[in-house]
Amino acid sequence: QKDALERLKLRDMLFQPEMLEAVQPDVHLVAS
């Protein structure tokens, strides 16, 4: 998940509730 956020610049997708519900929560996600 961290690689996807950093390599593919998918941070905008975190603006979608359904995407957040699919992600496994961790420290790096909280930081994002």
PDB file of all heavy atoms in Angstrom:
ATOM      1  N   GLN A   1       0.831  -1.200   0.000  1.00  0.00           N
ATOM      2  CA  GLN A   1       0.000   0.000   0.000  1.00  0.00           C
ATOM      3  C   GLN A   1       0.870   1.256   0.000  1.00  0.00           C
ATOM      4  O   GLN A   1       0.595   2.227  -0.720  1.00  0.00           O
ATOM      5  CB  GLN A   1      -0.909   0.012   1.234  1.00  0.00           C
ATOM      6  CG  GLN A   1      -2.059  -0.964   1.143  1.00  0.00           C
ATOM      7  CD  GLN A   1      -2.949  -0.937   2.369  1.00  0.00           C
ATOM      8  OE1 GLN A   1      -4.003  -1.554   2.382  1.00  0.00           O
ATOM      9  NE2 GLN A   1      -2.545  -0.234   3.416  1.00  0.00           N
ATOM     10  N   LYS A   2       1.931   1.235   0.804  1.00  0.00           N
ATOM     11  CA  LYS A   2       2.828   2.382   0.858  1.00  0.00           C
ATOM     12  C   LYS A   2       3.500   2.601  -0.496  1.00  0.00           C
ATOM     13  O   LYS A   2       3.607   3.736  -0.986  1.00  0.00           O
ATOM     14  CB  LYS A   2       3.878   2.165   1.944  1.00  0.00           C
ATOM     15  CG  LYS A   2       4.828   3.338   2.130  1.00  0.00           C
ATOM     16  CD  LYS A   2       5.884   3.030   3.172  1.00  0.00           C
ATOM     17  CE  LYS A   2       6.859   4.202   3.300  1.00  0.00           C
ATOM     18  NZ  LYS A   2       7.976   3.883   4.216  1.00  0.00           N
ATOM     19  N   ASP A   3       3.948   1.515  -1.137  1.00  0.00           N
ATOM     20  CA  ASP A   3       4.561   1.625  -2.461  1.00  0.00           C
ATOM     21  C   ASP A   3       3.577   2.203  -3.471  1.00  0.00           C
ATOM     22  O   ASP A   3       3.954   3.026  -4.324  1.00  0.00           O
ATOM     23  CB  ASP A   3       5.048   0.254  -2.939  1.00  0.00           C
ATOM     24  CG  ASP A   3       6.340  -0.174  -2.270  1.00  0.00           C
ATOM     25  OD1 ASP A   3       6.947   0.660  -1.572  1.00  0.00           O
ATOM     26  OD2 ASP A   3       6.737  -1.336  -2.431  1.00  0.00           O
ATOM     27  N   ALA A   4       2.317   1.778  -3.398  1.00  0.00           N
ATOM     28  CA  ALA A   4       1.313   2.279  -4.335  1.00  0.00           C
ATOM     29  C   ALA A   4       1.102   3.783  -4.161  1.00  0.00           C
ATOM     30  O   ALA A   4       1.013   4.529  -5.142  1.00  0.00           O
ATOM     31  CB  ALA A   4      -0.005   1.535  -4.151  1.00  0.00           C
ATOM     32  N   LEU A   5       1.027   4.225  -2.915  1.00  0.00           N
ATOM     33  CA  LEU A   5       0.827   5.650  -2.661  1.00  0.00           C
ATOM     34  C   LEU A   5       2.008   6.478  -3.147  1.00  0.00           C
ATOM     35  O   LEU A   5       1.838   7.556  -3.722  1.00  0.00           O
ATOM     36  CB  LEU A   5       0.610   5.891  -1.167  1.00  0.00           C
ATOM     37  CG  LEU A   5      -0.722   5.414  -0.596  1.00  0.00           C
ATOM     38  CD1 LEU A   5      -0.708   5.505   0.923  1.00  0.00           C
ATOM     39  CD2 LEU A   5      -1.876   6.228  -1.161  1.00  0.00           C
ATOM     40  N   GLU A   6       3.228   5.966  -2.927  1.00  0.00           N
ATOM     41  CA  GLU A   6       4.413   6.740  -3.267  1.00  0.00           C
ATOM     42  C   GLU A   6       4.776   6.639  -4.750  1.00  0.00           C
ATOM     43  O   GLU A   6       5.103   7.652  -5.386  1.00  0.00           O
ATOM     44  CB  GLU A   6       5.592   6.273  -2.418  1.00  0.00           C
ATOM     45  CG  GLU A   6       5.416   6.594  -0.937  1.00  0.00           C
ATOM     46  CD  GLU A   6       6.571   6.097  -0.097  1.00  0.00           C
ATOM     47  OE1 GLU A   6       7.422   5.359  -0.643  1.00  0.00           O
ATOM     48  OE2 GLU A   6       6.627   6.447   1.095  1.00  0.00           O
ATOM     49  N   ARG A   7       4.707   5.433  -5.316  1.00  0.00           N
ATOM     50  CA  ARG A   7       5.143   5.227  -6.702  1.00  0.00           C
ATOM     51  C   ARG A   7       4.124   5.722  -7.710  1.00  0.00           C
ATOM     52  O   ARG A   7       4.482   6.294  -8.743  1.00  0.00           O
ATOM     53  CB  ARG A   7       5.401   3.740  -6.964  1.00  0.00           C
ATOM     54  CG  ARG A   7       6.592   3.150  -6.230  1.00  0.00           C
ATOM     55  CD  ARG A   7       6.563   1.630  -6.311  1.00  0.00           C
ATOM     56  NE  ARG A   7       7.747   1.041  -5.719  1.00  0.00           N
ATOM     57  CZ  ARG A   7       8.690   0.394  -6.406  1.00  0.00           C
ATOM     58  NH1 ARG A   7       8.575   0.255  -7.708  1.00  0.00           N
ATOM     59  NH2 ARG A   7       9.729  -0.123  -5.801  1.00  0.00           N
ATOM     60  N   LEU A   8       2.853   5.479  -7.423  1.00  0.00           N
ATOM     61  CA  LEU A   8       1.813   5.748  -8.420  1.00  0.00           C
ATOM     62  C   LEU A   8       1.028   7.010  -8.137  1.00  0.00           C
ATOM     63  O   LEU A   8       0.091   7.334  -8.852  1.00  0.00           O
ATOM     64  CB  LEU A   8       0.850   4.545  -8.492  1.00  0.00           C
ATOM     65  CG  LEU A   8       1.533   3.190  -8.728  1.00  0.00           C
ATOM     66  CD1 LEU A   8       0.495   2.094  -8.821  1.00  0.00           C
ATOM     67  CD2 LEU A   8       2.366   3.235  -9.999  1.00  0.00           C
ATOM     68  N   LYS A   9       1.400   7.706  -7.059  1.00  0.00           N
ATOM     69  CA  LYS A   9       0.756   8.972  -6.708  1.00  0.00           C
ATOM     70  C   LYS A   9      -0.766   8.805  -6.667  1.00  0.00           C
ATOM     71  O   LYS A   9      -1.517   9.531  -7.311  1.00  0.00           O
ATOM     72  CB  LYS A   9       1.163  10.068  -7.692  1.00  0.00           C
ATOM     73  CG  LYS A   9       2.678  10.269  -7.765  1.00  0.00           C
ATOM     74  CD  LYS A   9       3.050  11.459  -8.595  1.00  0.00           C
ATOM     75  CE  LYS A   9       4.576  11.562  -8.744  1.00  0.00           C
ATOM     76  NZ  LYS A   9       5.287  11.620  -7.485  1.00  0.00           N
ATOM     77  N   LEU A  10      -1.203   7.835  -5.889  1.00  0.00           N
ATOM     78  CA  LEU A  10      -2.637   7.544  -5.784  1.00  0.00           C
ATOM     79  C   LEU A  10      -3.289   8.267  -4.597  1.00  0.00           C
ATOM     80  O   LEU A  10      -4.390   7.917  -4.180  1.00  0.00           O
ATOM     81  CB  LEU A  10      -2.850   6.034  -5.622  1.00  0.00           C
ATOM     82  CG  LEU A  10      -2.343   5.155  -6.760  1.00  0.00           C
ATOM     83  CD1 LEU A  10      -2.610   3.696  -6.447  1.00  0.00           C
ATOM     84  CD2 LEU A  10      -2.997   5.543  -8.074  1.00  0.00           C
ATOM     85  N   ARG A  11      -2.640   9.283  -4.069  1.00  0.00           N
ATOM     86  CA  ARG A  11      -3.171   9.939  -2.881  1.00  0.00           C
ATOM     87  C   ARG A  11      -4.560  10.523  -3.109  1.00  0.00           C
ATOM     88  O   ARG A  11      -5.389  10.561  -2.202  1.00  0.00           O
ATOM     89  CB  ARG A  11      -2.214  11.036  -2.416  1.00  0.00           C
ATOM     90  CG  ARG A  11      -0.897  10.493  -1.902  1.00  0.00           C
ATOM     91  CD  ARG A  11       0.045  11.621  -1.499  1.00  0.00           C
ATOM     92  NE  ARG A  11       1.332  11.066  -1.084  1.00  0.00           N
ATOM     93  CZ  ARG A  11       1.626  10.731   0.156  1.00  0.00           C
ATOM     94  NH1 ARG A  11       0.734  10.872   1.106  1.00  0.00           N
ATOM     95  NH2 ARG A  11       2.816  10.247   0.456  1.00  0.00           N
ATOM     96  N   ASP A  12      -4.824  10.991  -4.337  1.00  0.00           N
ATOM     97  CA  ASP A  12      -6.145  11.563  -4.606  1.00  0.00           C
ATOM     98  C   ASP A  12      -7.256  10.555  -4.361  1.00  0.00           C
ATOM     99  O   ASP A  12      -8.392  10.927  -4.063  1.00  0.00           O
ATOM    100  CB  ASP A  12      -6.227  12.070  -6.049  1.00  0.00           C
ATOM    101  CG  ASP A  12      -5.371  13.320  -6.255  1.00  0.00           C
ATOM    102  OD1 ASP A  12      -4.926  13.887  -5.235  1.00  0.00           O
ATOM    103  OD2 ASP A  12      -5.169  13.725  -7.410  1.00  0.00           O
ATOM    104  N   MET A  13      -6.934   9.291  -4.514  1.00  0.00           N
ATOM    105  CA  MET A  13      -7.969   8.275  -4.323  1.00  0.00           C
ATOM    106  C   MET A  13      -8.392   8.153  -2.862  1.00  0.00           C
ATOM    107  O   MET A  13      -9.465   7.642  -2.569  1.00  0.00           O
ATOM    108  CB  MET A  13      -7.471   6.928  -4.842  1.00  0.00           C
ATOM    109  CG  MET A  13      -7.275   6.924  -6.339  1.00  0.00           C
ATOM    110  SD  MET A  13      -6.897   5.282  -6.970  1.00  0.00           S
ATOM    111  CE  MET A  13      -6.685   5.691  -8.708  1.00  0.00           C
ATOM    112  N   LEU A  14      -7.542   8.645  -1.968  1.00  0.00           N
ATOM    113  CA  LEU A  14      -7.919   8.615  -0.554  1.00  0.00           C
ATOM    114  C   LEU A  14      -9.058   9.578  -0.260  1.00  0.00           C
ATOM    115  O   LEU A  14      -9.616   9.572   0.832  1.00  0.00           O
ATOM    116  CB  LEU A  14      -6.709   8.954   0.320  1.00  0.00           C
ATOM    117  CG  LEU A  14      -5.548   7.966   0.258  1.00  0.00           C
ATOM    118  CD1 LEU A  14      -4.421   8.430   1.163  1.00  0.00           C
ATOM    119  CD2 LEU A  14      -5.993   6.568   0.659  1.00  0.00           C
ATOM    120  N   PHE A  15      -9.393  10.423  -1.222  1.00  0.00           N
ATOM    121  CA  PHE A  15     -10.507  11.346  -1.036  1.00  0.00           C
ATOM    122  C   PHE A  15     -11.854  10.649  -1.204  1.00  0.00           C
ATOM    123  O   PHE A  15     -12.900  11.254  -0.980  1.00  0.00           O
ATOM    124  CB  PHE A  15     -10.421  12.491  -2.036  1.00  0.00           C
ATOM    125  CG  PHE A  15      -9.238  13.401  -1.816  1.00  0.00           C
ATOM    126  CD1 PHE A  15      -8.876  14.315  -2.784  1.00  0.00           C
ATOM    127  CD2 PHE A  15      -8.493  13.345  -0.645  1.00  0.00           C
ATOM    128  CE1 PHE A  15      -7.801  15.171  -2.595  1.00  0.00           C
ATOM    129  CE2 PHE A  15      -7.419  14.188  -0.448  1.00  0.00           C
ATOM    130  CZ  PHE A  15      -7.074  15.103  -1.426  1.00  0.00           C
ATOM    131  N   GLN A  16     -11.825   9.373  -1.609  1.00  0.00           N
ATOM    132  CA  GLN A  16     -13.070   8.654  -1.853  1.00  0.00           C
ATOM    133  C   GLN A  16     -13.343   7.698  -0.696  1.00  0.00           C
ATOM    134  O   GLN A  16     -12.519   6.839  -0.390  1.00  0.00           O
ATOM    135  CB  GLN A  16     -12.963   7.876  -3.162  1.00  0.00           C
ATOM    136  CG  GLN A  16     -12.623   8.765  -4.362  1.00  0.00           C
ATOM    137  CD  GLN A  16     -12.294   7.969  -5.601  1.00  0.00           C
ATOM    138  OE1 GLN A  16     -12.960   6.975  -5.884  1.00  0.00           O
ATOM    139  NE2 GLN A  16     -11.276   8.387  -6.332  1.00  0.00           N
ATOM    140  N   PRO A  17     -14.493   7.825  -0.029  1.00  0.00           N
ATOM    141  CA  PRO A  17     -14.789   6.984   1.140  1.00  0.00           C
ATOM    142  C   PRO A  17     -14.663   5.496   0.858  1.00  0.00           C
ATOM    143  O   PRO A  17     -14.145   4.734   1.669  1.00  0.00           O
ATOM    144  CB  PRO A  17     -16.234   7.366   1.489  1.00  0.00           C
ATOM    145  CG  PRO A  17     -16.405   8.742   0.949  1.00  0.00           C
ATOM    146  CD  PRO A  17     -15.562   8.797  -0.295  1.00  0.00           C
ATOM    147  N   GLU A  18     -15.126   5.056  -0.339  1.00  0.00           N
ATOM    148  CA  GLU A  18     -15.079   3.633  -0.638  1.00  0.00           C
ATOM    149  C   GLU A  18     -13.647   3.126  -0.755  1.00  0.00           C
ATOM    150  O   GLU A  18     -13.347   1.978  -0.448  1.00  0.00           O
ATOM    151  CB  GLU A  18     -15.850   3.313  -1.920  1.00  0.00           C
ATOM    152  CG  GLU A  18     -15.338   3.986  -3.181  1.00  0.00           C
ATOM    153  CD  GLU A  18     -15.909   5.379  -3.388  1.00  0.00           C
ATOM    154  OE1 GLU A  18     -16.474   5.936  -2.413  1.00  0.00           O
ATOM    155  OE2 GLU A  18     -15.788   5.907  -4.503  1.00  0.00           O
ATOM    156  N   MET A  19     -12.726   4.008  -1.178  1.00  0.00           N
ATOM    157  CA  MET A  19     -11.334   3.608  -1.255  1.00  0.00           C
ATOM    158  C   MET A  19     -10.741   3.475   0.150  1.00  0.00           C
ATOM    159  O   MET A  19     -10.017   2.522   0.443  1.00  0.00           O
ATOM    160  CB  MET A  19     -10.532   4.646  -2.048  1.00  0.00           C
ATOM    161  CG  MET A  19     -10.864   4.650  -3.530  1.00  0.00           C
ATOM    162  SD  MET A  19     -10.416   3.079  -4.305  1.00  0.00           S
ATOM    163  CE  MET A  19      -8.676   3.079  -4.040  1.00  0.00           C
ATOM    164  N   LEU A  20     -11.044   4.406   1.019  1.00  0.00           N
ATOM    165  CA  LEU A  20     -10.542   4.332   2.383  1.00  0.00           C
ATOM    166  C   LEU A  20     -11.028   3.077   3.089  1.00  0.00           C
ATOM    167  O   LEU A  20     -10.305   2.475   3.879  1.00  0.00           O
ATOM    168  CB  LEU A  20     -10.988   5.569   3.171  1.00  0.00           C
ATOM    169  CG  LEU A  20     -10.104   6.800   3.048  1.00  0.00           C
ATOM    170  CD1 LEU A  20     -10.674   7.926   3.901  1.00  0.00           C
ATOM    171  CD2 LEU A  20      -8.686   6.502   3.455  1.00  0.00           C
ATOM    172  N   GLU A  21     -12.259   2.688   2.814  1.00  0.00           N
ATOM    173  CA  GLU A  21     -12.804   1.492   3.455  1.00  0.00           C
ATOM    174  C   GLU A  21     -12.102   0.234   2.965  1.00  0.00           C
ATOM    175  O   GLU A  21     -12.057  -0.783   3.662  1.00  0.00           O
ATOM    176  CB  GLU A  21     -14.301   1.401   3.183  1.00  0.00           C
ATOM    177  CG  GLU A  21     -15.096   2.506   3.899  1.00  0.00           C
ATOM    178  CD  GLU A  21     -16.528   2.602   3.416  1.00  0.00           C
ATOM    179  OE1 GLU A  21     -16.889   1.816   2.506  1.00  0.00           O
ATOM    180  OE2 GLU A  21     -17.276   3.441   3.922  1.00  0.00           O
ATOM    181  N   ALA A  22     -11.529   0.281   1.748  1.00  0.00           N
ATOM    182  CA  ALA A  22     -10.859  -0.896   1.179  1.00  0.00           C
ATOM    183  C   ALA A  22      -9.417  -1.031   1.639  1.00  0.00           C
ATOM    184  O   ALA A  22      -8.848  -2.115   1.632  1.00  0.00           O
ATOM    185  CB  ALA A  22     -10.903  -0.837  -0.350  1.00  0.00           C
ATOM    186  N   VAL A  23      -8.806   0.079   2.039  1.00  0.00           N
ATOM    187  CA  VAL A  23      -7.395   0.069   2.432  1.00  0.00           C
ATOM    188  C   VAL A  23      -7.243  -0.514   3.826  1.00  0.00           C
ATOM    189  O   VAL A  23      -8.083  -0.300   4.697  1.00  0.00           O
ATOM    190  CB  VAL A  23      -6.837   1.505   2.394  1.00  0.00           C
ATOM    191  CG1 VAL A  23      -5.436   1.564   2.977  1.00  0.00           C
ATOM    192  CG2 VAL A  23      -6.823   2.018   0.967  1.00  0.00           C
ATOM    193  N   GLN A  24      -6.162  -1.268   4.037  1.00  0.00           N
ATOM    194  CA  GLN A  24      -5.851  -1.765   5.382  1.00  0.00           C
ATOM    195  C   GLN A  24      -5.171  -0.655   6.167  1.00  0.00           C
ATOM    196  O   GLN A  24      -4.103  -0.182   5.792  1.00  0.00           O
ATOM    197  CB  GLN A  24      -4.941  -2.986   5.316  1.00  0.00           C
ATOM    198  CG  GLN A  24      -4.537  -3.506   6.697  1.00  0.00           C
ATOM    199  CD  GLN A  24      -3.913  -4.878   6.611  1.00  0.00           C
ATOM    200  OE1 GLN A  24      -4.475  -5.792   6.027  1.00  0.00           O
ATOM    201  NE2 GLN A  24      -2.732  -5.018   7.197  1.00  0.00           N
ATOM    202  N   PRO A  25      -5.769  -0.211   7.275  1.00  0.00           N
ATOM    203  CA  PRO A  25      -5.200   0.922   8.017  1.00  0.00           C
ATOM    204  C   PRO A  25      -3.823   0.596   8.600  1.00  0.00           C
ATOM    205  O   PRO A  25      -3.609  -0.489   9.115  1.00  0.00           O
ATOM    206  CB  PRO A  25      -6.231   1.168   9.136  1.00  0.00           C
ATOM    207  CG  PRO A  25      -7.484   0.504   8.669  1.00  0.00           C
ATOM    208  CD  PRO A  25      -7.035  -0.676   7.854  1.00  0.00           C
ATOM    209  N   ASP A  26      -2.909   1.549   8.518  1.00  0.00           N
ATOM    210  CA  ASP A  26      -1.607   1.418   9.158  1.00  0.00           C
ATOM    211  C   ASP A  26      -1.028   2.809   9.386  1.00  0.00           C
ATOM    212  O   ASP A  26      -1.644   3.820   9.041  1.00  0.00           O
ATOM    213  CB  ASP A  26      -0.656   0.538   8.345  1.00  0.00           C
ATOM    214  CG  ASP A  26      -0.249   1.160   7.014  1.00  0.00           C
ATOM    215  OD1 ASP A  26      -0.792   2.228   6.668  1.00  0.00           O
ATOM    216  OD2 ASP A  26       0.607   0.591   6.325  1.00  0.00           O
ATOM    217  N   VAL A  27       0.152   2.865   9.987  1.00  0.00           N
ATOM    218  CA  VAL A  27       0.755   4.140  10.342  1.00  0.00           C
ATOM    219  C   VAL A  27       0.979   5.004   9.108  1.00  0.00           C
ATOM    220  O   VAL A  27       0.771   6.222   9.139  1.00  0.00           O
ATOM    221  CB  VAL A  27       2.083   3.905  11.091  1.00  0.00           C
ATOM    222  CG1 VAL A  27       2.856   5.208  11.244  1.00  0.00           C
ATOM    223  CG2 VAL A  27       1.824   3.291  12.455  1.00  0.00           C
ATOM    224  N   HIS A  28       1.428   4.404   8.004  1.00  0.00           N
ATOM    225  CA  HIS A  28       1.720   5.179   6.804  1.00  0.00           C
ATOM    226  C   HIS A  28       0.447   5.767   6.207  1.00  0.00           C
ATOM    227  O   HIS A  28       0.456   6.896   5.705  1.00  0.00           O
ATOM    228  CB  HIS A  28       2.431   4.302   5.778  1.00  0.00           C
ATOM    229  CG  HIS A  28       3.719   3.733   6.279  1.00  0.00           C
ATOM    230  ND1 HIS A  28       4.798   4.519   6.593  1.00  0.00           N
ATOM    231  CD2 HIS A  28       4.092   2.453   6.564  1.00  0.00           C
ATOM    232  CE1 HIS A  28       5.787   3.762   7.023  1.00  0.00           C
ATOM    233  NE2 HIS A  28       5.382   2.510   7.019  1.00  0.00           N
ATOM    234  N   LEU A  29      -0.652   5.033   6.269  1.00  0.00           N
ATOM    235  CA  LEU A  29      -1.914   5.559   5.785  1.00  0.00           C
ATOM    236  C   LEU A  29      -2.355   6.743   6.648  1.00  0.00           C
ATOM    237  O   LEU A  29      -2.817   7.770   6.138  1.00  0.00           O
ATOM    238  CB  LEU A  29      -2.985   4.472   5.791  1.00  0.00           C
ATOM    239  CG  LEU A  29      -4.389   4.922   5.368  1.00  0.00           C
ATOM    240  CD1 LEU A  29      -4.388   5.456   3.948  1.00  0.00           C
ATOM    241  CD2 LEU A  29      -5.375   3.771   5.499  1.00  0.00           C
ATOM    242  N   VAL A  30      -2.207   6.602   7.958  1.00  0.00           N
ATOM    243  CA  VAL A  30      -2.551   7.708   8.860  1.00  0.00           C
ATOM    244  C   VAL A  30      -1.713   8.935   8.524  1.00  0.00           C
ATOM    245  O   VAL A  30      -2.232  10.059   8.458  1.00  0.00           O
ATOM    246  CB  VAL A  30      -2.344   7.298  10.333  1.00  0.00           C
ATOM    247  CG1 VAL A  30      -2.419   8.507  11.256  1.00  0.00           C
ATOM    248  CG2 VAL A  30      -3.379   6.266  10.738  1.00  0.00           C
ATOM    249  N   ALA A  31      -0.418   8.735   8.282  1.00  0.00           N
ATOM    250  CA  ALA A  31       0.449   9.857   7.935  1.00  0.00           C
ATOM    251  C   ALA A  31      -0.025  10.535   6.650  1.00  0.00           C
ATOM    252  O   ALA A  31      -0.023  11.765   6.547  1.00  0.00           O
ATOM    253  CB  ALA A  31       1.889   9.368   7.779  1.00  0.00           C
ATOM    254  N   SER A  32      -0.440   9.739   5.670  1.00  0.00           N
ATOM    255  CA  SER A  32      -0.945  10.308   4.412  1.00  0.00           C
ATOM    256  C   SER A  32      -2.206  11.121   4.659  1.00  0.00           C
ATOM    257  O   SER A  32      -2.377  12.228   4.120  1.00  0.00           O
ATOM    258  CB  SER A  32      -1.233   9.193   3.395  1.00  0.00           C
ATOM    259  OG  SER A  32      -0.050   8.518   3.026  1.00  0.00           O
TER     260      SER A  32
END
